Amino acid sequence: MVFTVVLGNQLFESWFDEKPDQTEFVFIESREMATRFRYHKHKLILIFSAMRKFSERLSAKGFKVHYLKLDDETLPPEYFK
């Protein structure tokens, strides 16, 4: 099994060429990424929205997708520091 971490700038159609039974995708809306650079807040909304839509497409094609949203309550408190 291969786990592939996909960032907001890696939403490539070529991921659909992977085999669903051998690849799982991990999407993380990273506060660190969002604050490291001076992104406009509207751009961040578009990036995270695109990530969510892309992960839904992968899931619909039979891939197992793990998605951690920035506001996910299951994330440990230290994740937000």
Protein backbone atom coordinates (compact mmCIF):
# COMPACT_ATOMS: atom_id res chain seq x y z
CA MET A 1 0.00 0.00 0.00
CA VAL A 2 1.27 3.44 -0.93
CA PHE A 3 0.21 6.58 0.93
CA THR A 4 0.46 9.75 -1.10
CA VAL A 5 0.29 13.18 0.54
CA VAL A 6 -1.28 15.70 -1.81
CA LEU A 7 -0.82 19.42 -1.26
CA GLY A 8 -2.90 22.22 -2.72
CA ASN A 9 -0.44 22.76 -5.56
CA GLN A 10 -0.37 19.06 -6.52
CA LEU A 11 -3.88 18.43 -7.81
CA PHE A 12 -2.77 16.59 -10.92
CA GLU A 13 -4.97 14.48 -13.17
CA SER A 14 -2.16 11.89 -13.29
CA TRP A 15 -3.15 10.74 -9.77
CA PHE A 16 -6.12 9.03 -11.43
CA ASP A 17 -3.65 6.74 -13.25
CA GLU A 18 -2.71 5.10 -9.92
CA LYS A 19 -4.38 1.83 -8.90
CA PRO A 20 -7.21 2.37 -6.38
CA ASP A 21 -6.47 -0.87 -4.53
CA GLN A 22 -2.79 0.06 -4.05
CA THR A 23 -2.87 3.81 -3.33
CA GLU A 24 -4.39 5.86 -0.53
CA PHE A 25 -4.35 9.65 -0.61
CA VAL A 26 -3.85 11.97 2.35
CA PHE A 27 -4.96 15.60 2.13
CA ILE A 28 -4.06 18.03 4.91
CA GLU A 29 -5.24 21.61 5.07
CA SER A 30 -2.10 22.93 6.71
CA ARG A 31 -2.20 26.03 8.88
CA GLU A 32 1.58 26.17 8.57
CA MET A 33 1.37 26.33 4.78
CA ALA A 34 -1.38 28.91 4.99
CA THR A 35 0.61 31.20 7.28
CA ARG A 36 4.15 30.63 6.01
CA PHE A 37 3.52 32.72 2.90
CA ARG A 38 1.48 35.88 2.55
CA TYR A 39 -1.54 34.39 0.79
CA HIS A 40 -4.66 36.46 0.42
CA LYS A 41 -7.45 34.81 2.42
CA HIS A 42 -9.56 34.41 -0.71
CA LYS A 43 -6.75 32.49 -2.39
CA LEU A 44 -6.56 30.14 0.60
CA ILE A 45 -10.29 29.53 0.35
CA LEU A 46 -9.88 28.61 -3.32
CA ILE A 47 -6.93 26.31 -2.59
CA PHE A 48 -8.75 24.44 0.18
CA SER A 49 -11.95 24.28 -1.87
CA ALA A 50 -10.04 22.79 -4.82
CA MET A 51 -8.41 20.24 -2.50
CA ARG A 52 -11.78 19.17 -1.11
CA LYS A 53 -13.34 18.82 -4.57
CA PHE A 54 -10.32 16.92 -5.89
CA SER A 55 -10.40 14.51 -2.95
CA GLU A 56 -14.11 13.89 -3.62
CA ARG A 57 -13.30 13.05 -7.24
CA LEU A 58 -10.61 10.58 -6.17
CA SER A 59 -13.00 8.99 -3.69
CA ALA A 60 -15.69 8.67 -6.37
CA LYS A 61 -13.17 6.79 -8.55
CA GLY A 62 -12.66 4.22 -5.81
CA PHE A 63 -9.57 5.58 -4.07
CA LYS A 64 -9.36 5.63 -0.29
CA VAL A 65 -8.96 9.25 0.81
CA HIS A 66 -7.96 10.62 4.21
CA TYR A 67 -8.77 14.31 4.59
CA LEU A 68 -7.90 16.55 7.53
CA LYS A 69 -9.64 19.90 7.41
CA LEU A 70 -8.11 22.95 9.01
CA ASP A 71 -11.05 23.19 11.42
CA ASP A 72 -11.22 19.44 12.09
CA GLU A 73 -11.94 18.81 15.77
CA THR A 74 -10.13 15.48 15.64
CA LEU A 75 -6.79 17.21 15.18
CA PRO A 76 -4.73 17.54 18.36
CA PRO A 77 -4.47 21.07 19.86
CA GLU A 78 -0.72 21.20 19.21
CA TYR A 79 -1.49 20.96 15.47
CA PHE A 80 -2.81 24.53 15.63
CA LYS A 81 0.26 26.05 17.31
